[in-house]
Amino acid sequence: HTQVTCPHCGAKTDASQPYCGHCGQLLGDAAK
């Protein structure tokens, strides 16, 4: 459950998911 910073809302979200768990936007390259 490594966390990354969402480039859209700036919140920490699960890097294993393609979408931000807070704003629902596609993480894209941020997940990688």
ModelCIF file with pLDDT and N, C-alpha, C, O atoms, coordinates in Angstrom:
data_MODEL
#
_entry.id   MODEL 
#
_entity.id                         1 
_entity.type                       polymer 
_entity.pdbx_number_of_molecules   1 
#
_entity_poly.entity_id                      1 
_entity_poly.type                           'polypeptide(L)' 
_entity_poly.nstd_linkage                   no 
_entity_poly.nstd_monomer                   no 
_entity_poly.pdbx_seq_one_letter_code       HTQVTCPHCGAKTDASQPYCGHCGQLLGDAAK 
_entity_poly.pdbx_seq_one_letter_code_can   HTQVTCPHCGAKTDASQPYCGHCGQLLGDAAK 
_entity_poly.pdbx_strand_id                 A 
#
loop_
_entity_poly_seq.entity_id 
_entity_poly_seq.num 
_entity_poly_seq.mon_id 
_entity_poly_seq.hetero 
1 1  HIS n 
1 2  THR n 
1 3  GLN n 
1 4  VAL n 
1 5  THR n 
1 6  CYS n 
1 7  PRO n 
1 8  HIS n 
1 9  CYS n 
1 10 GLY n 
1 11 ALA n 
1 12 LYS n 
1 13 THR n 
1 14 ASP n 
1 15 ALA n 
1 16 SER n 
1 17 GLN n 
1 18 PRO n 
1 19 TYR n 
1 20 CYS n 
1 21 GLY n 
1 22 HIS n 
1 23 CYS n 
1 24 GLY n 
1 25 GLN n 
1 26 LEU n 
1 27 LEU n 
1 28 GLY n 
1 29 ASP n 
1 30 ALA n 
1 31 ALA n 
1 32 LYS n 
#
_struct_asym.id          A 
_struct_asym.entity_id   1 
#
loop_
_ma_qa_metric.id 
_ma_qa_metric.mode 
_ma_qa_metric.name 
_ma_qa_metric.software_group_id 
_ma_qa_metric.type 
1 global pLDDT . pLDDT 
2 local  pLDDT . pLDDT 
#
_ma_qa_metric_global.metric_id      1 
_ma_qa_metric_global.metric_value   72.53 
_ma_qa_metric_global.model_id       1 
_ma_qa_metric_global.ordinal_id     1 
#
loop_
_ma_qa_metric_local.label_asym_id 
_ma_qa_metric_local.label_comp_id 
_ma_qa_metric_local.label_seq_id 
_ma_qa_metric_local.metric_id 
_ma_qa_metric_local.metric_value 
_ma_qa_metric_local.model_id 
_ma_qa_metric_local.ordinal_id 
A HIS 1  2 77.00 1 1  
A THR 2  2 74.00 1 2  
A GLN 3  2 73.00 1 3  
A VAL 4  2 76.00 1 4  
A THR 5  2 72.00 1 5  
A CYS 6  2 80.00 1 6  
A PRO 7  2 74.00 1 7  
A HIS 8  2 78.00 1 8  
A CYS 9  2 83.00 1 9  
A GLY 10 2 71.00 1 10 
A ALA 11 2 77.00 1 11 
A LYS 12 2 76.00 1 12 
A THR 13 2 75.00 1 13 
A ASP 14 2 69.00 1 14 
A ALA 15 2 68.00 1 15 
A SER 16 2 66.00 1 16 
A GLN 17 2 73.00 1 17 
A PRO 18 2 74.00 1 18 
A TYR 19 2 76.00 1 19 
A CYS 20 2 79.00 1 20 
A GLY 21 2 75.00 1 21 
A HIS 22 2 75.00 1 22 
A CYS 23 2 82.00 1 23 
A GLY 24 2 75.00 1 24 
A GLN 25 2 75.00 1 25 
A LEU 26 2 77.00 1 26 
A LEU 27 2 72.00 1 27 
A GLY 28 2 70.00 1 28 
A ASP 29 2 65.00 1 29 
A ALA 30 2 56.00 1 30 
A ALA 31 2 53.00 1 31 
A LYS 32 2 55.00 1 32 
#
loop_
_atom_site.group_PDB 
_atom_site.id 
_atom_site.type_symbol 
_atom_site.label_atom_id 
_atom_site.label_alt_id 
_atom_site.label_comp_id 
_atom_site.label_asym_id 
_atom_site.label_entity_id 
_atom_site.label_seq_id 
_atom_site.pdbx_PDB_ins_code 
_atom_site.Cartn_x 
_atom_site.Cartn_y 
_atom_site.Cartn_z 
_atom_site.occupancy 
_atom_site.B_iso_or_equiv 
_atom_site.pdbx_formal_charge 
_atom_site.auth_seq_id 
_atom_site.auth_comp_id 
_atom_site.auth_asym_id 
_atom_site.auth_atom_id 
_atom_site.pdbx_PDB_model_num 
ATOM 1   N N  . HIS A 1 1  ? 0.834   -1.216 0.000   1.00 77.00 ? 1  HIS A N  1 
ATOM 2   C CA . HIS A 1 1  ? 0.000   0.000  0.000   1.00 77.00 ? 1  HIS A CA 1 
ATOM 3   C C  . HIS A 1 1  ? 0.859   1.252  0.000   1.00 77.00 ? 1  HIS A C  1 
ATOM 4   O O  . HIS A 1 1  ? 0.596   2.209  0.728   1.00 77.00 ? 1  HIS A O  1 
ATOM 5   N N  . THR A 1 2  ? 1.887   1.224  -0.829  1.00 74.00 ? 2  THR A N  1 
ATOM 6   C CA . THR A 1 2  ? 2.745   2.393  -0.984  1.00 74.00 ? 2  THR A CA 1 
ATOM 7   C C  . THR A 1 2  ? 1.914   3.581  -1.465  1.00 74.00 ? 2  THR A C  1 
ATOM 8   O O  . THR A 1 2  ? 1.051   3.446  -2.333  1.00 74.00 ? 2  THR A O  1 
ATOM 9   N N  . GLN A 1 3  ? 2.192   4.733  -0.889  1.00 73.00 ? 3  GLN A N  1 
ATOM 10  C CA . GLN A 1 3  ? 1.422   5.945  -1.200  1.00 73.00 ? 3  GLN A CA 1 
ATOM 11  C C  . GLN A 1 3  ? 2.192   6.854  -2.177  1.00 73.00 ? 3  GLN A C  1 
ATOM 12  O O  . GLN A 1 3  ? 3.418   6.952  -2.139  1.00 73.00 ? 3  GLN A O  1 
ATOM 13  N N  . VAL A 1 4  ? 1.414   7.511  -3.051  1.00 76.00 ? 4  VAL A N  1 
ATOM 14  C CA . VAL A 1 4  ? 1.977   8.536  -3.944  1.00 76.00 ? 4  VAL A CA 1 
ATOM 15  C C  . VAL A 1 4  ? 1.114   9.801  -3.819  1.00 76.00 ? 4  VAL A C  1 
ATOM 16  O O  . VAL A 1 4  ? -0.003  9.762  -3.302  1.00 76.00 ? 4  VAL A O  1 
ATOM 17  N N  . THR A 1 5  ? 1.655   10.904 -4.298  1.00 72.00 ? 5  THR A N  1 
ATOM 18  C CA . THR A 1 5  ? 0.915   12.172 -4.253  1.00 72.00 ? 5  THR A CA 1 
ATOM 19  C C  . THR A 1 5  ? 0.139   12.360 -5.551  1.00 72.00 ? 5  THR A C  1 
ATOM 20  O O  . THR A 1 5  ? 0.707   12.315 -6.642  1.00 72.00 ? 5  THR A O  1 
ATOM 21  N N  . CYS A 1 6  ? -1.153  12.568 -5.417  1.00 80.00 ? 6  CYS A N  1 
ATOM 22  C CA . CYS A 1 6  ? -1.999  12.789 -6.593  1.00 80.00 ? 6  CYS A CA 1 
ATOM 23  C C  . CYS A 1 6  ? -1.612  14.121 -7.254  1.00 80.00 ? 6  CYS A C  1 
ATOM 24  O O  . CYS A 1 6  ? -1.565  15.141 -6.568  1.00 80.00 ? 6  CYS A O  1 
ATOM 25  N N  . PRO A 1 7  ? -1.336  14.142 -8.560  1.00 74.00 ? 7  PRO A N  1 
ATOM 26  C CA . PRO A 1 7  ? -0.948  15.396 -9.232  1.00 74.00 ? 7  PRO A CA 1 
ATOM 27  C C  . PRO A 1 7  ? -2.107  16.381 -9.401  1.00 74.00 ? 7  PRO A C  1 
ATOM 28  O O  . PRO A 1 7  ? -1.897  17.534 -9.778  1.00 74.00 ? 7  PRO A O  1 
ATOM 29  N N  . HIS A 1 8  ? -3.330  15.922 -9.120  1.00 78.00 ? 8  HIS A N  1 
ATOM 30  C CA . HIS A 1 8  ? -4.502  16.782 -9.313  1.00 78.00 ? 8  HIS A CA 1 
ATOM 31  C C  . HIS A 1 8  ? -4.933  17.466 -8.008  1.00 78.00 ? 8  HIS A C  1 
ATOM 32  O O  . HIS A 1 8  ? -5.138  18.679 -7.968  1.00 78.00 ? 8  HIS A O  1 
ATOM 33  N N  . CYS A 1 9  ? -5.066  16.653 -6.928  1.00 83.00 ? 9  CYS A N  1 
ATOM 34  C CA . CYS A 1 9  ? -5.554  17.241 -5.669  1.00 83.00 ? 9  CYS A CA 1 
ATOM 35  C C  . CYS A 1 9  ? -4.475  17.336 -4.599  1.00 83.00 ? 9  CYS A C  1 
ATOM 36  O O  . CYS A 1 9  ? -4.685  17.971 -3.566  1.00 83.00 ? 9  CYS A O  1 
ATOM 37  N N  . GLY A 1 10 ? -3.330  16.717 -4.833  1.00 71.00 ? 10 GLY A N  1 
ATOM 38  C CA . GLY A 1 10 ? -2.226  16.802 -3.881  1.00 71.00 ? 10 GLY A CA 1 
ATOM 39  C C  . GLY A 1 10 ? -2.341  15.883 -2.682  1.00 71.00 ? 10 GLY A C  1 
ATOM 40  O O  . GLY A 1 10 ? -1.506  15.941 -1.780  1.00 71.00 ? 10 GLY A O  1 
ATOM 41  N N  . ALA A 1 11 ? -3.358  15.036 -2.654  1.00 77.00 ? 11 ALA A N  1 
ATOM 42  C CA . ALA A 1 11 ? -3.533  14.118 -1.521  1.00 77.00 ? 11 ALA A CA 1 
ATOM 43  C C  . ALA A 1 11 ? -2.713  12.850 -1.734  1.00 77.00 ? 11 ALA A C  1 
ATOM 44  O O  . ALA A 1 11 ? -2.348  12.503 -2.857  1.00 77.00 ? 11 ALA A O  1 
ATOM 45  N N  . LYS A 1 12 ? -2.430  12.156 -0.600  1.00 76.00 ? 12 LYS A N  1 
ATOM 46  C CA . LYS A 1 12 ? -1.748  10.870 -0.661  1.00 76.00 ? 12 LYS A CA 1 
ATOM 47  C C  . LYS A 1 12 ? -2.759  9.783  -1.003  1.00 76.00 ? 12 LYS A C  1 
ATOM 48  O O  . LYS A 1 12 ? -3.842  9.716  -0.420  1.00 76.00 ? 12 LYS A O  1 
ATOM 49  N N  . THR A 1 13 ? -2.386  8.928  -1.962  1.00 75.00 ? 13 THR A N  1 
ATOM 50  C CA . THR A 1 13 ? -3.308  7.871  -2.375  1.00 75.00 ? 13 THR A CA 1 
ATOM 51  C C  . THR A 1 13 ? -2.527  6.605  -2.688  1.00 75.00 ? 13 THR A C  1 
ATOM 52  O O  . THR A 1 13 ? -1.308  6.646  -2.854  1.00 75.00 ? 13 THR A O  1 
ATOM 53  N N  . ASP A 1 14 ? -3.225  5.484  -2.766  1.00 69.00 ? 14 ASP A N  1 
ATOM 54  C CA . ASP A 1 14 ? -2.599  4.183  -2.969  1.00 69.00 ? 14 ASP A CA 1 
ATOM 55  C C  . ASP A 1 14 ? -2.000  4.091  -4.367  1.00 69.00 ? 14 ASP A C  1 
ATOM 56  O O  . ASP A 1 14 ? -2.698  4.256  -5.367  1.00 69.00 ? 14 ASP A O  1 
ATOM 57  N N  . ALA A 1 15 ? -0.676  3.821  -4.422  1.00 68.00 ? 15 ALA A N  1 
ATOM 58  C CA . ALA A 1 15 ? 0.010   3.774  -5.717  1.00 68.00 ? 15 ALA A CA 1 
ATOM 59  C C  . ALA A 1 15 ? -0.409  2.570  -6.549  1.00 68.00 ? 15 ALA A C  1 
ATOM 60  O O  . ALA A 1 15 ? -0.188  2.554  -7.760  1.00 68.00 ? 15 ALA A O  1 
ATOM 61  N N  . SER A 1 16 ? -1.019  1.545  -5.911  1.00 66.00 ? 16 SER A N  1 
ATOM 62  C CA . SER A 1 16 ? -1.400  0.349  -6.663  1.00 66.00 ? 16 SER A CA 1 
ATOM 63  C C  . SER A 1 16 ? -2.701  0.547  -7.446  1.00 66.00 ? 16 SER A C  1 
ATOM 64  O O  . SER A 1 16 ? -3.073  -0.307 -8.251  1.00 66.00 ? 16 SER A O  1 
ATOM 65  N N  . GLN A 1 17 ? -3.393  1.662  -7.219  1.00 73.00 ? 17 GLN A N  1 
ATOM 66  C CA . GLN A 1 17 ? -4.654  1.931  -7.910  1.00 73.00 ? 17 GLN A CA 1 
ATOM 67  C C  . GLN A 1 17 ? -4.446  2.944  -9.037  1.00 73.00 ? 17 GLN A C  1 
ATOM 68  O O  . GLN A 1 17 ? -3.629  3.854  -8.895  1.00 73.00 ? 17 GLN A O  1 
ATOM 69  N N  . PRO A 1 18 ? -5.168  2.806  -10.151 1.00 74.00 ? 18 PRO A N  1 
ATOM 70  C CA . PRO A 1 18 ? -4.978  3.754  -11.279 1.00 74.00 ? 18 PRO A CA 1 
ATOM 71  C C  . PRO A 1 18 ? -5.624  5.121  -11.042 1.00 74.00 ? 18 PRO A C  1 
ATOM 72  O O  . PRO A 1 18 ? -5.276  6.095  -11.711 1.00 74.00 ? 18 PRO A O  1 
ATOM 73  N N  . TYR A 1 19 ? -6.575  5.199  -10.079 1.00 76.00 ? 19 TYR A N  1 
ATOM 74  C CA . TYR A 1 19 ? -7.282  6.446  -9.838  1.00 76.00 ? 19 TYR A CA 1 
ATOM 75  C C  . TYR A 1 19 ? -7.010  6.934  -8.415  1.00 76.00 ? 19 TYR A C  1 
ATOM 76  O O  . TYR A 1 19 ? -6.761  6.132  -7.516  1.00 76.00 ? 19 TYR A O  1 
ATOM 77  N N  . CYS A 1 20 ? -7.060  8.238  -8.221  1.00 79.00 ? 20 CYS A N  1 
ATOM 78  C CA . CYS A 1 20 ? -6.870  8.827  -6.895  1.00 79.00 ? 20 CYS A CA 1 
ATOM 79  C C  . CYS A 1 20 ? -8.057  8.461  -6.015  1.00 79.00 ? 20 CYS A C  1 
ATOM 80  O O  . CYS A 1 20 ? -9.209  8.567  -6.434  1.00 79.00 ? 20 CYS A O  1 
ATOM 81  N N  . GLY A 1 21 ? -7.772  8.037  -4.816  1.00 75.00 ? 21 GLY A N  1 
ATOM 82  C CA . GLY A 1 21 ? -8.824  7.653  -3.888  1.00 75.00 ? 21 GLY A CA 1 
ATOM 83  C C  . GLY A 1 21 ? -9.562  8.830  -3.310  1.00 75.00 ? 21 GLY A C  1 
ATOM 84  O O  . GLY A 1 21 ? -10.550 8.630  -2.604  1.00 75.00 ? 21 GLY A O  1 
ATOM 85  N N  . HIS A 1 22 ? -9.129  10.070 -3.577  1.00 75.00 ? 22 HIS A N  1 
ATOM 86  C CA . HIS A 1 22 ? -9.770  11.263 -3.020  1.00 75.00 ? 22 HIS A CA 1 
ATOM 87  C C  . HIS A 1 22 ? -10.562 12.035 -4.080  1.00 75.00 ? 22 HIS A C  1 
ATOM 88  O O  . HIS A 1 22 ? -11.730 12.364 -3.877  1.00 75.00 ? 22 HIS A O  1 
ATOM 89  N N  . CYS A 1 23 ? -9.905  12.324 -5.226  1.00 82.00 ? 23 CYS A N  1 
ATOM 90  C CA . CYS A 1 23 ? -10.604 13.117 -6.240  1.00 82.00 ? 23 CYS A CA 1 
ATOM 91  C C  . CYS A 1 23 ? -11.095 12.282 -7.413  1.00 82.00 ? 23 CYS A C  1 
ATOM 92  O O  . CYS A 1 23 ? -11.886 12.771 -8.220  1.00 82.00 ? 23 CYS A O  1 
ATOM 93  N N  . GLY A 1 24 ? -10.656 11.055 -7.527  1.00 75.00 ? 24 GLY A N  1 
ATOM 94  C CA . GLY A 1 24 ? -11.119 10.171 -8.595  1.00 75.00 ? 24 GLY A CA 1 
ATOM 95  C C  . GLY A 1 24 ? -10.426 10.369 -9.922  1.00 75.00 ? 24 GLY A C  1 
ATOM 96  O O  . GLY A 1 24 ? -10.761 9.691  -10.893 1.00 75.00 ? 24 GLY A O  1 
ATOM 97  N N  . GLN A 1 25 ? -9.461  11.286 -9.995  1.00 75.00 ? 25 GLN A N  1 
ATOM 98  C CA . GLN A 1 25 ? -8.762  11.536 -11.249 1.00 75.00 ? 25 GLN A CA 1 
ATOM 99  C C  . GLN A 1 25 ? -7.754  10.425 -11.545 1.00 75.00 ? 25 GLN A C  1 
ATOM 100 O O  . GLN A 1 25 ? -7.241  9.774  -10.635 1.00 75.00 ? 25 GLN A O  1 
ATOM 101 N N  . LEU A 1 26 ? -7.484  10.224 -12.825 1.00 77.00 ? 26 LEU A N  1 
ATOM 102 C CA . LEU A 1 26 ? -6.505  9.223  -13.243 1.00 77.00 ? 26 LEU A CA 1 
ATOM 103 C C  . LEU A 1 26 ? -5.113  9.662  -12.799 1.00 77.00 ? 26 LEU A C  1 
ATOM 104 O O  . LEU A 1 26 ? -4.703  10.801 -13.023 1.00 77.00 ? 26 LEU A O  1 
ATOM 105 N N  . LEU A 1 27 ? -4.411  8.753  -12.177 1.00 72.00 ? 27 LEU A N  1 
ATOM 106 C CA . LEU A 1 27 ? -3.082  9.098  -11.655 1.00 72.00 ? 27 LEU A CA 1 
ATOM 107 C C  . LEU A 1 27 ? -2.045  9.173  -12.762 1.00 72.00 ? 27 LEU A C  1 
ATOM 108 O O  . LEU A 1 27 ? -1.127  9.989  -12.697 1.00 72.00 ? 27 LEU A O  1 
ATOM 109 N N  . GLY A 1 28 ? -2.181  8.336  -13.772 1.00 70.00 ? 28 GLY A N  1 
ATOM 110 C CA . GLY A 1 28 ? -1.231  8.364  -14.873 1.00 70.00 ? 28 GLY A CA 1 
ATOM 111 C C  . GLY A 1 28 ? 0.173   7.985  -14.424 1.00 70.00 ? 28 GLY A C  1 
ATOM 112 O O  . GLY A 1 28 ? 0.378   6.996  -13.721 1.00 70.00 ? 28 GLY A O  1 
ATOM 113 N N  . ASP A 1 29 ? 1.149   8.812  -14.856 1.00 65.00 ? 29 ASP A N  1 
ATOM 114 C CA . ASP A 1 29 ? 2.550   8.507  -14.536 1.00 65.00 ? 29 ASP A CA 1 
ATOM 115 C C  . ASP A 1 29 ? 2.853   8.636  -13.046 1.00 65.00 ? 29 ASP A C  1 
ATOM 116 O O  . ASP A 1 29 ? 3.865   8.111  -12.581 1.00 65.00 ? 29 ASP A O  1 
ATOM 117 N N  . ALA A 1 30 ? 2.010   9.313  -12.301 1.00 56.00 ? 30 ALA A N  1 
ATOM 118 C CA . ALA A 1 30 ? 2.260   9.480  -10.853 1.00 56.00 ? 30 ALA A CA 1 
ATOM 119 C C  . ALA A 1 30 ? 2.232   8.136  -10.140 1.00 56.00 ? 30 ALA A C  1 
ATOM 120 O O  . ALA A 1 30 ? 2.927   7.938  -9.144  1.00 56.00 ? 30 ALA A O  1 
ATOM 121 N N  . ALA A 1 31 ? 1.408   7.198  -10.665 1.00 53.00 ? 31 ALA A N  1 
ATOM 122 C CA . ALA A 1 31 ? 1.315   5.880  -10.040 1.00 53.00 ? 31 ALA A CA 1 
ATOM 123 C C  . ALA A 1 31 ? 2.571   5.061  -10.258 1.00 53.00 ? 31 ALA A C  1 
ATOM 124 O O  . ALA A 1 31 ? 2.799   4.068  -9.568  1.00 53.00 ? 31 ALA A O  1 
ATOM 125 N N  . LYS A 1 32 ? 3.403   5.485  -11.236 1.00 55.00 ? 32 LYS A N  1 
ATOM 126 C CA . LYS A 1 32 ? 4.623   4.757  -11.538 1.00 55.00 ? 32 LYS A CA 1 
ATOM 127 C C  . LYS A 1 32 ? 5.855   5.426  -10.938 1.00 55.00 ? 32 LYS A C  1 
ATOM 128 O O  . LYS A 1 32 ? 6.970   4.930  -11.105 1.00 55.00 ? 32 LYS A O  1 
#
